[in-house]
C-alpha atoms as a PDB file:
ATOM      1  CA  UNK A   1      41.935  43.376 -15.680  1.00  0.00           C
ATOM      2  CA  UNK A   2      38.439  43.316 -14.212  1.00  0.00           C
ATOM      3  CA  UNK A   3      37.446  40.167 -16.088  1.00  0.00           C
ATOM      4  CA  UNK A   4      39.006  37.696 -13.586  1.00  0.00           C
ATOM      5  CA  UNK A   5      37.174  39.440 -10.743  1.00  0.00           C
ATOM      6  CA  UNK A   6      33.976  39.367 -12.759  1.00  0.00           C
ATOM      7  CA  UNK A   7      34.427  35.677 -13.507  1.00  0.00           C
ATOM      8  CA  UNK A   8      34.991  34.821  -9.834  1.00  0.00           C
ATOM      9  CA  UNK A   9      32.045  36.896  -8.572  1.00  0.00           C
ATOM     10  CA  UNK A  10      29.275  34.309  -9.224  1.00  0.00           C
ATOM     11  CA  UNK A  11      31.445  31.533  -7.799  1.00  0.00           C
ATOM     12  CA  UNK A  12      32.023  33.494  -4.592  1.00  0.00           C
ATOM     13  CA  UNK A  13      28.342  34.448  -4.262  1.00  0.00           C
ATOM     14  CA  UNK A  14      27.103  30.872  -4.722  1.00  0.00           C
ATOM     15  CA  UNK A  15      29.738  29.687  -2.235  1.00  0.00           C
ATOM     16  CA  UNK A  16      28.513  32.300   0.248  1.00  0.00           C
ATOM     17  CA  UNK A  17      24.927  31.076  -0.035  1.00  0.00           C
ATOM     18  CA  UNK A  18      25.980  27.447   0.273  1.00  0.00           C
ATOM     19  CA  UNK A  19      28.195  28.160   3.292  1.00  0.00           C
ATOM     20  CA  UNK A  20      25.369  30.009   5.025  1.00  0.00           C
ATOM     21  CA  UNK A  21      22.999  27.110   4.470  1.00  0.00           C
ATOM     22  CA  UNK A  22      25.501  24.516   5.660  1.00  0.00           C
ATOM     23  CA  UNK A  23      26.476  26.600   8.698  1.00  0.00           C
ATOM     24  CA  UNK A  24      22.852  26.990   9.698  1.00  0.00           C
ATOM     25  CA  UNK A  25      22.366  23.226   9.515  1.00  0.00           C
ATOM     26  CA  UNK A  26      25.393  22.708  11.752  1.00  0.00           C
ATOM     27  CA  UNK A  27      24.205  25.341  14.234  1.00  0.00           C
ATOM     28  CA  UNK A  28      20.773  23.710  14.355  1.00  0.00           C
ATOM     29  CA  UNK A  29      22.373  20.455  15.483  1.00  0.00           C
ATOM     30  CA  UNK A  30      24.206  22.309  18.271  1.00  0.00           C
ATOM     31  CA  UNK A  31      21.030  23.875  19.633  1.00  0.00           C
ATOM     32  CA  UNK A  32      18.824  26.906  19.255  1.00  0.00           C
ATOM     33  CA  UNK A  33      20.729  29.268  21.555  1.00  0.00           C
ATOM     34  CA  UNK A  34      24.256  28.496  20.376  1.00  0.00           C
ATOM     35  CA  UNK A  35      26.289  31.196  18.656  1.00  0.00           C
ATOM     36  CA  UNK A  36      23.593  33.821  18.184  1.00  0.00           C
ATOM     37  CA  UNK A  37      26.014  36.185  16.399  1.00  0.00           C
ATOM     38  CA  UNK A  38      26.666  33.581  13.698  1.00  0.00           C
ATOM     39  CA  UNK A  39      22.920  32.976  13.384  1.00  0.00           C
ATOM     40  CA  UNK A  40      22.395  36.717  12.926  1.00  0.00           C
ATOM     41  CA  UNK A  41      24.967  36.917  10.134  1.00  0.00           C
ATOM     42  CA  UNK A  42      23.548  33.826   8.427  1.00  0.00           C
ATOM     43  CA  UNK A  43      20.027  35.211   8.639  1.00  0.00           C
ATOM     44  CA  UNK A  44      21.217  38.438   7.001  1.00  0.00           C
ATOM     45  CA  UNK A  45      22.756  36.453   4.157  1.00  0.00           C
ATOM     46  CA  UNK A  46      19.572  34.407   3.733  1.00  0.00           C
ATOM     47  CA  UNK A  47      17.462  37.574   3.854  1.00  0.00           C
ATOM     48  CA  UNK A  48      19.534  39.029   1.013  1.00  0.00           C
ATOM     49  CA  UNK A  49      19.683  35.764  -0.969  1.00  0.00           C
ATOM     50  CA  UNK A  50      17.451  37.083  -3.738  1.00  0.00           C
ATOM     51  CA  UNK A  51      19.728  40.093  -4.265  1.00  0.00           C
ATOM     52  CA  UNK A  52      22.804  37.852  -4.100  1.00  0.00           C
ATOM     53  CA  UNK A  53      21.363  35.579  -6.801  1.00  0.00           C
ATOM     54  CA  UNK A  54      20.533  38.622  -8.954  1.00  0.00           C
ATOM     55  CA  UNK A  55      24.106  39.880  -8.629  1.00  0.00           C
ATOM     56  CA  UNK A  56      25.453  36.458  -9.625  1.00  0.00           C
ATOM     57  CA  UNK A  57      23.176  36.332 -12.667  1.00  0.00           C
ATOM     58  CA  UNK A  58      24.192  39.842 -13.705  1.00  0.00           C
ATOM     59  CA  UNK A  59      27.884  38.964 -13.407  1.00  0.00           C
ATOM     60  CA  UNK A  60      27.354  35.846 -15.559  1.00  0.00           C
ATOM     61  CA  UNK A  61      25.587  37.923 -18.221  1.00  0.00           C
ATOM     62  CA  UNK A  62      28.433  40.438 -18.239  1.00  0.00           C
ATOM     63  CA  UNK A  63      31.010  37.656 -18.578  1.00  0.00           C
ATOM     64  CA  UNK A  64      29.098  36.206 -21.509  1.00  0.00           C
ATOM     65  CA  UNK A  65      28.914  39.596 -23.228  1.00  0.00           C
ATOM     66  CA  UNK A  66      32.633  40.147 -22.689  1.00  0.00           C
ATOM     67  CA  UNK A  67      33.292  36.720 -24.196  1.00  0.00           C
ATOM     68  CA  UNK A  68      31.095  37.593 -27.180  1.00  0.00           C
ATOM     69  CA  UNK A  69      33.045  40.823 -27.668  1.00  0.00           C
ATOM     70  CA  UNK A  70      36.305  38.859 -27.749  1.00  0.00           C
ATOM     71  CA  UNK A  71      34.876  36.549 -30.423  1.00  0.00           C
ATOM     72  CA  UNK A  72      33.841  39.542 -32.537  1.00  0.00           C
ATOM     73  CA  UNK A  73      37.346  40.971 -32.281  1.00  0.00           C
ATOM     74  CA  UNK A  74      38.799  37.612 -33.278  1.00  0.00           C
ATOM     75  CA  UNK A  75      36.546  37.419 -36.323  1.00  0.00           C
ATOM     76  CA  UNK A  76      37.577  40.922 -37.393  1.00  0.00           C
ATOM     77  CA  UNK A  77      41.248  40.017 -37.009  1.00  0.00           C
ATOM     78  CA  UNK A  78      41.711  42.782 -34.467  1.00  0.00           C
ATOM     79  CA  UNK A  79      42.753  40.382 -31.721  1.00  0.00           C
ATOM     80  CA  UNK A  80      44.841  37.237 -31.787  1.00  0.00           C
ATOM     81  CA  UNK A  81      44.009  34.132 -29.783  1.00  0.00           C
ATOM     82  CA  UNK A  82      47.023  32.731 -28.005  1.00  0.00           C
ATOM     83  CA  UNK A  83      46.763  29.025 -27.263  1.00  0.00           C
ATOM     84  CA  UNK A  84      49.367  26.776 -25.684  1.00  0.00           C
END
């Protein structure tokens, strides 16, 4: 049940970083003093970008290990692959 959430975690985190970067570029075109609250939130995201990238990498590693576990179960005939 947690696997879909785990699969979507890196996608969401990369989208968050990309949205922060694009929003900052748009705010820069509007001027330096425009929407200071949005600039504050974006700066917090950029400040934590290293931790966000680490979390995305960890989620991808966990997804790969879960996928490997499924393949082991398939090889042992414990699980059955259902394909359309």
